[in-house]
Amino acid sequence: MKIKEFFWKNILLTLIPLLFFCMYYRSEMQKQTIIENLSKSSKTMKIDILPDELHIHDNQFRVLAYLPEAKQSVLCFGTMKTQAENDLIRKIKQKTQLEVVGDLTVLEIAPNVNQFDSKKFYGQQGIYGQIKITTLKSKTEITNSSLIDNVHQFRFCGLELSDRLPKYLKLYVQSLVFGYKNTDFKEEMDGVQQLGLIHLFSISGMHVYFLIDLILMLASLSYIKREHVQWAMIIGLPFYSIIAGSAVGLIRAILMIEERLIAGKFKLYFTRLDIWSVALMINLLINPMLLLEFGCQLSYGLSLALIYTGNVGNLKRTILLELVSFPIVIYYMYEWHALSLLANLLIIPFFTVVIFPLVLVGFGLSLFNLPGVNLVDYFLMSFDHFTTLISSFPGKITFGKPWIIFVIFMIACGLLYMENAKIKYLFMIVCSSLGMYCIIHFPISGEVTFFDVGQGDSILLREPFNKSVTLIDTGGKPNFFVKQGQKDVYLAPNTSIRYLKSIGINHIDNICLSHQDADHIGDLPSF
């Protein structure tokens, strides 16, 4: 009887999640079918835009908009060709319906191996269509807004206020407080990204815990009952997740805090692992495809590792966390900086204790027009220059893209080593990493690869064991309509260079250029 009960219990535990996933998958495929059916030649459409979702860079814009005709969100992008179109886009200050002419298509698969795949990335978020807007016709402001729309409007007001801040303070406030990252963030925070500290801005949700502690401290000083503050947090935290950009790591942190608060209210006992598990299940019920995202894997992986390493010292914890994050990082980024371990050990505590509080202070000073804002900006600029300097030191390793079985094996060994620090697990990690590195960097066969770089050409010739690597042409984008002062745009970092890094190539022995047209050699400076 017990065997039967055990059998049926496990069958149900397996079938119920599988049933949920099948229902979700069917719903998502229906959304994609609707986009395919609506895909036609250029036509007039109406889209609903929230102002905080609008990204403008020079004369180009990109926005995640709602398409009523398809009853789903789509990615929209275009170029403002006239002053009237420029004014129309830049004056969007509240929820607005735009009438546009454009081409609605299904998101395209990446044309090159290991290139950023927009169809996969946005598909994991339930977005399957894109509109290439050719003409902006008119706009109508929407007055009947929902509660969620009002939260987005509040976020937009915060972003507008932060736009007036000095350069570096603006970047930190927008990324940390509002979860908004523009092109400047990627360019200025290069050192942070190289050192593997980008999780401080988008993955860990660490600043949520700091804000909770700050609110509780202020409430205590103001003699506000702790119970009232906790209920306010339970109600308000879901709305804060929208204000802060709804990154998967942020949602994880908020879910875990909500569980802890609710458990305390109803006097329930949950271990840290229980709280982590329930947060993951809720996240997967909302969107099971999130488990395939880099941010989701790293966020939940590191938070699980933190549970395992709860009682160890800071140095040992940092090393153990690196064991878990290393295989995930190289699988998606193909590179790892040897100084990332030291950077995480020294900079994370400094970031928590100094940088984030300083960002809040700087933002607060600006709201009340108090002095000290420029001083905060100078300090943040110095911190950014320091991380850039450290990242320029030797130590960057182009590992390449490992096999998925290797990644799973490495994570498993890392968690086993945390639970029981036996030398054999560490030995397995080191040996498997060296073996995978050699397999990637010393292939027994050569290759000839043609890159899809648009109109031009780019060809890779690689001899066995990487004896010689030759690139014929680089590809490039003709810049016929670039205005004076605009930065050059290179395509190679997202096409051929990503592929080269994924197969472990960090230098090219020979570059052959056929002729000087921009579509053949325009991307040469990016190599």
Protein backbone atom coordinates (compact mmCIF):
# COMPACT_ATOMS: atom_id res chain seq x y z
CA MET A 1 0.00 0.00 0.00
CA LYS A 2 2.80 2.42 0.87
CA ILE A 3 4.55 1.66 -2.42
CA LYS A 4 1.35 2.45 -4.34
CA GLU A 5 0.86 5.70 -2.44
CA PHE A 6 4.46 6.67 -3.08
CA PHE A 7 4.08 5.83 -6.78
CA TRP A 8 0.88 7.84 -7.30
CA LYS A 9 2.20 10.77 -5.28
CA ASN A 10 5.29 11.04 -7.49
CA ILE A 11 3.22 10.59 -10.66
CA LEU A 12 1.02 13.52 -9.61
CA LEU A 13 4.03 15.67 -8.64
CA THR A 14 5.39 15.07 -12.14
CA LEU A 15 2.17 15.38 -14.13
CA ILE A 16 0.83 18.58 -12.54
CA PRO A 17 3.83 20.78 -13.52
CA LEU A 18 3.91 19.08 -16.92
CA LEU A 19 0.21 19.88 -17.42
CA PHE A 20 0.81 23.54 -16.50
CA PHE A 21 3.71 23.72 -18.95
CA CYS A 22 1.63 22.16 -21.77
CA MET A 23 -1.14 24.70 -21.19
CA TYR A 24 1.38 27.55 -21.15
CA TYR A 25 3.15 26.28 -24.29
CA ARG A 26 -0.16 25.96 -26.16
CA SER A 27 -1.11 29.51 -25.21
CA GLU A 28 2.25 30.87 -26.37
CA MET A 29 2.05 29.02 -29.70
CA GLN A 30 -1.38 30.54 -30.28
CA LYS A 31 0.12 34.01 -29.76
CA GLN A 32 2.81 33.25 -32.35
CA THR A 33 0.20 31.93 -34.80
CA ILE A 34 -1.80 35.16 -34.46
CA ILE A 35 1.30 37.20 -35.37
CA GLU A 36 1.97 34.96 -38.39
CA ASN A 37 -1.62 35.36 -39.59
CA LEU A 38 -1.50 39.14 -39.22
CA SER A 39 1.90 39.44 -40.94
CA LYS A 40 1.35 41.26 -44.21
CA SER A 41 2.95 43.95 -46.29
CA SER A 42 3.15 47.47 -44.88
CA LYS A 43 -0.12 48.50 -43.25
CA THR A 44 -1.60 50.96 -40.76
CA MET A 45 -1.81 49.78 -37.14
CA LYS A 46 -2.56 51.19 -33.70
CA ILE A 47 -0.25 50.45 -30.77
CA ASP A 48 -0.50 51.36 -27.08
CA ILE A 49 2.70 52.74 -25.53
CA LEU A 50 3.69 53.25 -21.90
CA PRO A 51 6.19 56.14 -21.64
CA ASP A 52 8.66 54.29 -19.37
CA GLU A 53 9.04 51.53 -21.99
CA LEU A 54 10.19 53.98 -24.69
CA HIS A 55 13.92 54.05 -25.49
CA ILE A 56 15.27 56.88 -27.67
CA HIS A 57 18.83 57.06 -28.99
CA ASP A 58 19.73 59.86 -31.41
CA ASN A 59 17.04 59.67 -34.12
CA GLN A 60 16.08 56.04 -33.44
CA PHE A 61 13.50 54.68 -31.03
CA ARG A 62 12.51 51.29 -29.64
CA VAL A 63 9.52 50.39 -27.50
CA LEU A 64 7.69 47.36 -26.18
CA ALA A 65 4.08 48.19 -27.12
CA TYR A 66 0.68 46.51 -26.90
CA LEU A 67 -0.95 45.65 -30.23
CA PRO A 68 -4.76 45.50 -29.65
CA GLU A 69 -5.29 43.79 -33.00
CA ALA A 70 -3.19 40.81 -31.83
CA LYS A 71 -4.05 41.19 -28.10
CA GLN A 72 -0.38 40.90 -27.12
CA SER A 73 2.80 42.94 -26.75
CA VAL A 74 5.19 43.37 -29.68
CA LEU A 75 8.62 44.93 -30.13
CA CYS A 76 8.47 48.14 -32.17
CA PHE A 77 11.36 50.14 -33.61
CA GLY A 78 11.91 52.85 -36.17
CA THR A 79 13.69 56.04 -37.18
CA MET A 80 12.39 59.58 -36.73
CA LYS A 81 12.93 61.00 -40.21
CA THR A 82 11.30 64.42 -39.77
CA GLN A 83 11.10 67.04 -37.04
CA ALA A 84 7.37 66.35 -36.71
CA GLU A 85 8.02 62.66 -36.00
CA ASN A 86 10.76 63.64 -33.56
CA ASP A 87 8.40 65.91 -31.65
CA LEU A 88 5.63 63.31 -31.69
CA ILE A 89 7.82 60.61 -30.07
CA ARG A 90 9.69 62.80 -27.60
CA LYS A 91 6.48 64.39 -26.29
CA ILE A 92 4.97 61.09 -25.16
CA LYS A 93 4.55 61.68 -21.40
CA GLN A 94 1.70 59.30 -20.56
CA LYS A 95 0.02 56.18 -21.90
CA THR A 96 -0.55 56.87 -25.58
CA GLN A 97 -2.04 55.18 -28.62
CA LEU A 98 0.04 55.68 -31.75
CA GLU A 99 -1.23 55.20 -35.29
CA VAL A 100 1.68 53.97 -37.39
CA VAL A 101 2.49 52.48 -40.75
CA GLY A 102 4.84 49.53 -40.61
CA ASP A 103 5.61 45.88 -41.26
CA LEU A 104 4.45 43.33 -38.67
CA THR A 105 6.55 40.17 -38.71
CA VAL A 106 7.52 37.30 -36.45
CA LEU A 107 10.81 37.94 -34.64
CA GLU A 108 13.70 36.60 -36.68
CA ILE A 109 16.11 33.85 -35.63
CA ALA A 110 19.76 34.92 -35.28
CA PRO A 111 21.45 34.33 -38.67
CA ASN A 112 24.82 33.35 -37.15
CA VAL A 113 25.75 30.69 -34.61
CA ASN A 114 26.05 32.05 -31.03
CA GLN A 115 24.88 35.51 -32.11
CA PHE A 116 22.38 37.26 -29.84
CA ASP A 117 19.04 35.65 -30.72
CA SER A 118 16.25 38.20 -30.33
CA LYS A 119 13.56 35.61 -31.14
CA LYS A 120 14.75 33.35 -28.33
CA PHE A 121 15.35 36.22 -25.87
CA TYR A 122 11.98 37.90 -26.34
CA GLY A 123 10.16 34.58 -26.85
CA GLN A 124 11.15 33.62 -23.30
CA GLN A 125 9.23 36.73 -22.21
CA GLY A 126 6.17 35.85 -24.28
CA ILE A 127 6.90 38.34 -27.11
CA TYR A 128 6.84 36.93 -30.64
CA GLY A 129 6.19 39.82 -33.02
CA GLN A 130 7.96 42.96 -34.18
CA ILE A 131 6.87 46.05 -36.06
CA LYS A 132 9.33 47.94 -38.21
CA ILE A 133 7.68 51.37 -38.20
CA THR A 134 8.13 53.38 -41.40
CA THR A 135 5.73 56.27 -40.74
CA LEU A 136 4.32 57.87 -37.58
CA LYS A 137 0.85 59.23 -38.35
CA SER A 138 -0.82 60.45 -35.15
CA LYS A 139 -1.10 59.92 -31.41
CA THR A 140 -3.96 59.90 -28.91
CA GLU A 141 -3.45 60.06 -25.15
CA ILE A 142 -5.28 57.30 -23.25
CA THR A 143 -7.11 58.60 -20.17
CA ASN A 144 -8.71 55.41 -18.76
CA SER A 145 -5.56 53.95 -17.19
CA SER A 146 -5.41 50.89 -14.94
CA LEU A 147 -3.59 50.64 -11.61
CA ILE A 148 -0.61 48.98 -13.36
CA ASP A 149 -0.54 51.80 -15.93
CA ASN A 150 -0.38 54.34 -13.10
CA VAL A 151 2.57 52.48 -11.56
CA HIS A 152 4.34 52.67 -14.94
CA GLN A 153 3.50 56.38 -15.06
CA PHE A 154 5.09 56.83 -11.62
CA ARG A 155 8.21 55.04 -12.90
CA PHE A 156 8.33 57.37 -15.89
CA CYS A 157 8.13 60.43 -13.61
CA GLY A 158 11.07 59.05 -11.64
CA LEU A 159 13.06 58.51 -14.84
CA GLU A 160 12.29 62.08 -15.95
CA LEU A 161 13.55 63.42 -12.63
CA SER A 162 16.72 61.34 -12.93
CA ASP A 163 17.35 62.68 -16.45
CA ARG A 164 18.35 66.00 -14.89
CA LEU A 165 21.11 64.42 -12.81
CA PRO A 166 24.83 64.53 -13.68
CA LYS A 167 26.02 61.74 -15.97
CA TYR A 168 27.22 59.04 -13.56
CA LEU A 169 24.64 59.63 -10.84
CA LYS A 170 21.98 59.44 -13.55
CA LEU A 171 23.29 56.05 -14.76
CA TYR A 172 23.34 54.62 -11.23
CA VAL A 173 19.92 55.96 -10.22
CA GLN A 174 18.23 54.77 -13.42
CA SER A 175 19.80 51.30 -13.32
CA LEU A 176 19.59 50.59 -9.57
CA VAL A 177 16.38 52.37 -8.56
CA PHE A 178 14.33 52.10 -11.78
CA GLY A 179 15.93 49.14 -13.60
CA TYR A 180 16.43 51.22 -16.76
CA LYS A 181 19.58 50.71 -18.84
CA ASN A 182 20.24 52.68 -22.00
CA THR A 183 23.14 52.64 -24.47
CA ASP A 184 25.25 54.87 -22.20
CA PHE A 185 25.04 52.29 -19.42
CA LYS A 186 26.57 49.57 -21.60
CA GLU A 187 29.36 51.88 -22.74
CA GLU A 188 30.24 53.43 -19.37
CA MET A 189 29.89 50.29 -17.24
CA ASP A 190 32.27 48.20 -19.34
CA GLY A 191 34.62 47.62 -16.39
CA VAL A 192 31.77 46.38 -14.19
CA GLN A 193 30.69 43.95 -16.91
CA GLN A 194 34.22 42.68 -17.56
CA LEU A 195 34.75 41.93 -13.85
CA GLY A 196 31.48 40.00 -13.58
CA LEU A 197 29.84 42.58 -11.31
CA ILE A 198 26.86 43.32 -13.55
CA HIS A 199 24.66 41.24 -11.20
CA LEU A 200 24.89 44.15 -8.75
CA PHE A 201 22.72 46.16 -11.17
CA SER A 202 20.31 43.66 -12.65
CA ILE A 203 20.45 40.09 -11.36
CA SER A 204 20.85 39.83 -7.63
CA GLY A 205 18.06 42.12 -6.37
CA MET A 206 20.44 42.79 -3.48
CA HIS A 207 19.41 46.43 -3.16
CA VAL A 208 15.86 45.36 -2.25
CA TYR A 209 17.13 43.94 1.04
CA PHE A 210 18.96 47.19 1.73
CA LEU A 211 15.80 49.23 1.05
CA ILE A 212 13.77 46.97 3.37
CA ASP A 213 16.29 47.44 6.20
CA LEU A 214 16.34 51.22 5.57
CA ILE A 215 12.52 51.46 5.68
CA LEU A 216 12.36 49.44 8.91
CA MET A 217 15.03 51.62 10.50
CA LEU A 218 13.26 54.86 9.50
CA ALA A 219 9.94 53.46 10.73
CA SER A 220 11.52 52.59 14.07
CA LEU A 221 12.93 56.12 14.42
CA SER A 222 9.49 57.53 13.55
CA TYR A 223 7.76 55.29 16.14
CA ILE A 224 5.66 53.60 13.45
CA LYS A 225 4.54 50.11 14.41
CA ARG A 226 6.64 47.40 12.76
CA GLU A 227 3.48 45.39 12.04
CA HIS A 228 1.98 48.23 9.98
CA VAL A 229 5.21 48.65 8.02
CA GLN A 230 5.33 44.93 7.24
CA TRP A 231 1.76 44.93 5.90
CA ALA A 232 2.61 47.96 3.77
CA MET A 233 5.60 46.05 2.37
CA ILE A 234 3.50 42.97 1.57
CA ILE A 235 1.11 45.17 -0.43
CA GLY A 236 3.69 47.54 -1.92
CA LEU A 237 6.56 45.27 -2.95
CA PRO A 238 4.79 43.85 -6.07
CA PHE A 239 4.29 47.41 -7.31
CA TYR A 240 7.94 48.22 -6.58
CA SER A 241 8.93 45.31 -8.84
CA ILE A 242 7.31 47.20 -11.73
CA ILE A 243 8.93 50.51 -10.75
CA ALA A 244 12.34 48.82 -10.58
CA GLY A 245 12.06 47.21 -14.01
CA SER A 246 10.75 43.69 -13.23
CA ALA A 247 14.10 41.95 -13.76
CA VAL A 248 13.98 38.26 -12.88
CA GLY A 249 16.49 38.64 -10.02
CA LEU A 250 14.46 41.48 -8.56
CA ILE A 251 11.25 39.43 -8.73
CA ARG A 252 13.04 36.52 -7.02
CA ALA A 253 14.21 38.76 -4.18
CA ILE A 254 10.74 40.29 -3.75
CA LEU A 255 9.03 36.88 -3.77
CA MET A 256 11.40 35.60 -1.07
CA ILE A 257 10.84 38.70 1.08
CA GLU A 258 7.05 38.43 0.63
CA GLU A 259 7.13 34.77 1.70
CA ARG A 260 9.17 35.60 4.80
CA LEU A 261 6.83 38.43 5.79
CA ILE A 262 3.66 36.37 5.22
CA ALA A 263 5.11 33.40 7.09
CA GLY A 264 5.88 35.70 10.02
CA LYS A 265 2.34 37.08 10.03
CA PHE A 266 0.73 33.64 10.15
CA LYS A 267 3.44 32.15 12.41
CA LEU A 268 4.52 29.59 9.83
CA TYR A 269 7.99 28.08 9.79
CA PHE A 270 9.85 27.98 6.49
CA THR A 271 13.53 27.23 6.05
CA ARG A 272 15.57 29.40 3.69
CA LEU A 273 15.54 26.53 1.20
CA ASP A 274 11.73 26.31 1.42
CA ILE A 275 11.43 30.02 0.68
CA TRP A 276 13.84 29.71 -2.26
CA SER A 277 11.93 26.71 -3.66
CA VAL A 278 8.50 28.37 -3.42
CA ALA A 279 9.86 31.54 -5.09
CA LEU A 280 11.21 29.45 -7.97
CA MET A 281 7.89 27.58 -8.35
CA ILE A 282 5.90 30.83 -8.42
CA ASN A 283 8.30 32.31 -10.95
CA LEU A 284 7.96 29.24 -13.17
CA LEU A 285 4.16 29.28 -12.85
CA ILE A 286 4.19 32.87 -14.11
CA ASN A 287 6.55 31.99 -16.97
CA PRO A 288 8.25 28.56 -17.14
CA MET A 289 10.48 29.73 -20.01
CA LEU A 290 12.32 32.04 -17.61
CA LEU A 291 14.39 29.08 -16.49
CA LEU A 292 16.20 29.28 -19.86
CA GLU A 293 17.30 32.89 -19.24
CA PHE A 294 20.86 33.72 -18.23
CA GLY A 295 19.65 36.16 -15.56
CA CYS A 296 17.24 33.63 -14.04
CA GLN A 297 19.81 30.83 -13.92
CA LEU A 298 22.47 33.06 -12.37
CA SER A 299 20.10 34.68 -9.88
CA TYR A 300 18.59 31.45 -8.58
CA GLY A 301 21.92 29.63 -8.78
CA LEU A 302 23.75 32.21 -6.68
CA SER A 303 20.91 32.54 -4.17
CA LEU A 304 20.85 28.75 -3.72
CA ALA A 305 24.62 28.80 -3.22
CA LEU A 306 24.19 31.53 -0.59
CA ILE A 307 21.84 29.21 1.32
CA TYR A 308 24.46 26.45 1.19
CA THR A 309 27.20 28.83 2.39
CA GLY A 310 25.24 30.58 5.13
CA ASN A 311 27.71 29.85 7.95
CA VAL A 312 31.09 30.25 6.22
CA GLY A 313 33.43 33.24 6.09
CA ASN A 314 33.31 35.94 3.43
CA LEU A 315 36.40 34.71 1.55
CA LYS A 316 35.27 31.10 1.40
CA ARG A 317 31.72 32.14 0.45
CA THR A 318 32.99 34.25 -2.46
CA ILE A 319 35.13 31.37 -3.75
CA LEU A 320 32.23 28.94 -3.51
CA LEU A 321 29.86 31.35 -5.28
CA GLU A 322 32.42 31.68 -8.06
CA LEU A 323 32.36 27.88 -8.51
CA VAL A 324 28.62 28.05 -9.23
CA SER A 325 28.62 31.19 -11.39
CA PHE A 326 31.71 30.32 -13.48
CA PRO A 327 30.12 27.62 -15.72
CA ILE A 328 26.96 29.70 -16.25
CA VAL A 329 28.92 32.84 -17.14
CA ILE A 330 31.22 31.17 -19.67
CA TYR A 331 28.27 29.35 -21.27
CA TYR A 332 26.59 32.66 -22.12
CA MET A 333 29.47 35.15 -22.20
CA TYR A 334 32.36 32.86 -23.33
CA GLU A 335 34.82 34.92 -21.25
CA TRP A 336 35.92 35.07 -17.64
CA HIS A 337 38.23 37.52 -15.87
CA ALA A 338 40.65 36.03 -13.36
CA LEU A 339 40.25 39.15 -11.18
CA SER A 340 36.47 38.68 -10.89
CA LEU A 341 36.98 36.64 -7.71
CA LEU A 342 38.97 39.45 -6.07
CA ALA A 343 36.54 42.06 -7.41
CA ASN A 344 33.54 40.25 -5.94
CA LEU A 345 35.33 39.83 -2.62
CA LEU A 346 36.29 43.50 -2.27
CA ILE A 347 33.75 45.47 -4.27
CA ILE A 348 30.44 43.80 -3.30
CA PRO A 349 30.68 44.81 0.41
CA PHE A 350 31.83 48.30 -0.63
CA PHE A 351 28.95 48.53 -3.12
CA THR A 352 26.42 47.51 -0.47
CA VAL A 353 27.70 49.75 2.32
CA VAL A 354 28.85 52.80 0.34
CA ILE A 355 27.80 52.98 -3.33
CA PHE A 356 24.08 52.16 -3.14
CA PRO A 357 23.40 54.37 -0.06
CA LEU A 358 25.37 57.15 -1.78
CA VAL A 359 23.20 56.82 -4.90
CA LEU A 360 20.06 57.21 -2.79
CA VAL A 361 21.54 60.21 -0.98
CA GLY A 362 22.53 61.85 -4.28
CA PHE A 363 19.05 61.31 -5.72
CA GLY A 364 17.45 62.68 -2.55
CA LEU A 365 19.67 65.79 -2.61
CA SER A 366 18.69 66.47 -6.22
CA LEU A 367 14.97 66.22 -5.44
CA PHE A 368 15.28 69.01 -2.86
CA ASN A 369 17.87 71.05 -4.84
CA LEU A 370 20.43 70.65 -2.06
CA PRO A 371 24.21 70.92 -2.58
CA GLY A 372 26.39 67.83 -2.84
CA VAL A 373 24.96 66.23 -5.98
CA ASN A 374 28.07 66.93 -8.06
CA LEU A 375 30.28 65.57 -5.30
CA VAL A 376 28.34 62.30 -5.32
CA ASP A 377 28.61 62.19 -9.12
CA TYR A 378 32.38 62.69 -8.91
CA PHE A 379 32.70 59.84 -6.41
CA LEU A 380 30.65 57.50 -8.65
CA MET A 381 32.75 58.52 -11.65
CA SER A 382 35.92 57.67 -9.70
CA PHE A 383 34.46 54.28 -8.75
CA ASP A 384 33.59 53.56 -12.38
CA HIS A 385 37.08 54.56 -13.55
CA PHE A 386 38.56 52.33 -10.85
CA THR A 387 36.60 49.26 -12.02
CA THR A 388 37.55 50.04 -15.64
CA LEU A 389 41.22 50.24 -14.63
CA ILE A 390 41.06 46.92 -12.77
CA SER A 391 39.32 45.24 -15.72
CA SER A 392 42.13 46.40 -18.04
CA PHE A 393 44.70 44.38 -16.05
CA PRO A 394 45.79 41.06 -17.60
CA GLY A 395 43.58 38.15 -16.68
CA LYS A 396 40.75 38.07 -19.20
CA ILE A 397 40.37 34.48 -20.41
CA THR A 398 38.45 33.65 -23.58
CA PHE A 399 37.20 30.22 -22.55
CA GLY A 400 34.68 29.59 -25.31
CA LYS A 401 31.22 28.04 -25.12
CA PRO A 402 31.32 24.71 -23.22
CA TRP A 403 28.98 21.77 -23.70
CA ILE A 404 25.75 22.00 -21.70
CA ILE A 405 26.53 18.68 -20.00
CA PHE A 406 29.77 20.23 -18.74
CA VAL A 407 27.86 23.18 -17.25
CA ILE A 408 25.43 20.89 -15.41
CA PHE A 409 28.31 18.71 -14.16
CA MET A 410 30.26 21.76 -12.92
CA ILE A 411 27.28 23.21 -11.04
CA ALA A 412 26.54 19.84 -9.46
CA CYS A 413 30.18 19.44 -8.36
CA GLY A 414 30.18 23.00 -6.97
CA LEU A 415 27.05 22.37 -4.88
CA LEU A 416 28.40 19.00 -3.68
CA TYR A 417 31.63 20.69 -2.65
CA MET A 418 29.66 23.28 -0.68
CA GLU A 419 27.75 20.59 1.16
CA ASN A 420 30.77 18.40 1.80
CA ALA A 421 34.16 20.00 1.13
CA LYS A 422 35.90 16.88 -0.17
CA ILE A 423 39.01 17.40 -2.28
CA LYS A 424 37.72 14.96 -4.92
CA TYR A 425 34.95 17.41 -5.96
CA LEU A 426 37.45 20.23 -6.36
CA PHE A 427 39.73 17.90 -8.33
CA MET A 428 36.82 17.01 -10.65
CA ILE A 429 36.01 20.70 -11.19
CA VAL A 430 39.62 21.61 -12.08
CA CYS A 431 40.18 18.59 -14.35
CA SER A 432 36.88 18.97 -16.23
CA SER A 433 37.53 22.72 -16.76
CA LEU A 434 41.01 22.07 -18.17
CA GLY A 435 39.66 19.27 -20.36
CA MET A 436 36.84 21.42 -21.72
CA TYR A 437 39.25 24.29 -22.36
CA CYS A 438 41.57 22.05 -24.40
CA ILE A 439 38.68 20.58 -26.42
CA ILE A 440 37.50 24.10 -27.37
CA HIS A 441 40.91 25.64 -28.04
CA PHE A 442 42.61 22.74 -29.85
CA PRO A 443 40.07 21.27 -32.30
CA ILE A 444 41.33 18.28 -34.28
CA SER A 445 39.66 19.54 -37.47
CA GLY A 446 39.74 22.89 -39.24
CA GLU A 447 36.77 24.90 -40.47
CA VAL A 448 35.56 27.39 -43.06
CA THR A 449 32.72 29.58 -41.77
CA PHE A 450 30.74 32.19 -43.73
CA PHE A 451 29.13 34.91 -41.61
CA ASP A 452 25.85 36.54 -42.48
CA VAL A 453 26.83 40.22 -42.16
CA GLY A 454 24.21 41.68 -44.47
CA GLN A 455 25.30 43.02 -47.85
CA GLY A 456 29.05 42.40 -47.42
CA ASP A 457 31.15 39.34 -46.69
CA SER A 458 33.16 37.85 -43.84
CA ILE A 459 34.80 34.42 -43.93
CA LEU A 460 36.73 32.54 -41.23
CA LEU A 461 39.45 30.02 -42.10
CA ARG A 462 40.74 28.00 -39.15
CA GLU A 463 43.38 25.27 -39.31
CA PRO A 464 43.34 22.18 -37.03
CA PHE A 465 44.56 22.81 -33.46
CA ASN A 466 44.19 26.57 -34.15
CA LYS A 467 47.60 26.67 -35.84
CA SER A 468 46.42 29.61 -37.93
CA VAL A 469 43.26 31.74 -37.89
CA THR A 470 42.49 33.85 -40.96
CA LEU A 471 39.59 36.26 -41.51
CA ILE A 472 38.67 37.38 -45.02
CA ASP A 473 36.85 40.75 -44.83
CA THR A 474 35.01 41.93 -41.73
CA GLY A 475 31.65 43.05 -43.05
CA GLY A 476 30.24 46.43 -42.11
CA LYS A 477 27.34 48.81 -42.36
CA PRO A 478 27.46 51.60 -44.95
CA ASN A 479 26.89 54.86 -43.04
CA PHE A 480 25.27 56.92 -45.77
CA PHE A 481 22.91 58.81 -43.46
CA VAL A 482 25.06 59.21 -40.34
CA LYS A 483 24.98 62.75 -38.98
CA GLN A 484 28.13 64.56 -37.97
CA GLY A 485 29.14 63.77 -34.40
CA GLN A 486 27.28 60.45 -34.22
CA LYS A 487 29.30 57.43 -33.12
CA ASP A 488 30.17 54.71 -35.62
CA VAL A 489 28.03 51.60 -35.33
CA TYR A 490 29.82 48.26 -35.70
CA LEU A 491 27.98 45.01 -36.38
CA ALA A 492 30.88 42.58 -35.85
CA PRO A 493 30.77 42.57 -31.99
CA ASN A 494 27.31 40.99 -32.19
CA THR A 495 27.99 38.69 -35.16
CA SER A 496 31.42 37.33 -36.06
CA ILE A 497 33.26 38.38 -32.86
CA ARG A 498 30.74 36.59 -30.63
CA TYR A 499 31.21 33.44 -32.69
CA LEU A 500 35.02 33.75 -32.51
CA LYS A 501 34.87 34.04 -28.72
CA SER A 502 32.48 31.09 -28.48
CA ILE A 503 35.04 28.82 -30.19
CA GLY A 504 37.87 30.12 -27.99
CA ILE A 505 39.56 32.50 -30.44
CA ASN A 506 40.88 35.72 -28.89
CA HIS A 507 43.30 36.73 -31.65
CA ILE A 508 43.45 36.53 -35.45
CA ASP A 509 46.70 35.67 -37.22
CA ASN A 510 45.78 37.04 -40.65
CA ILE A 511 43.16 39.48 -41.94
CA CYS A 512 42.67 39.65 -45.72
CA LEU A 513 40.73 42.62 -47.12
CA SER A 514 39.33 42.24 -50.62
CA HIS A 515 38.57 45.92 -51.29
CA GLN A 516 37.81 49.11 -49.38
CA ASP A 517 34.01 49.26 -49.57
CA ALA A 518 32.41 49.81 -46.15
CA ASP A 519 30.27 46.68 -46.41
CA HIS A 520 33.45 44.59 -46.63
CA ILE A 521 35.88 46.33 -44.25
CA GLY A 522 33.72 48.77 -42.28
CA ASP A 523 33.90 46.73 -39.06
CA LEU A 524 37.70 46.44 -39.09
CA PRO A 525 38.22 48.90 -36.15
CA SER A 526 36.11 46.67 -33.89
CA PHE A 527 38.55 43.72 -34.16
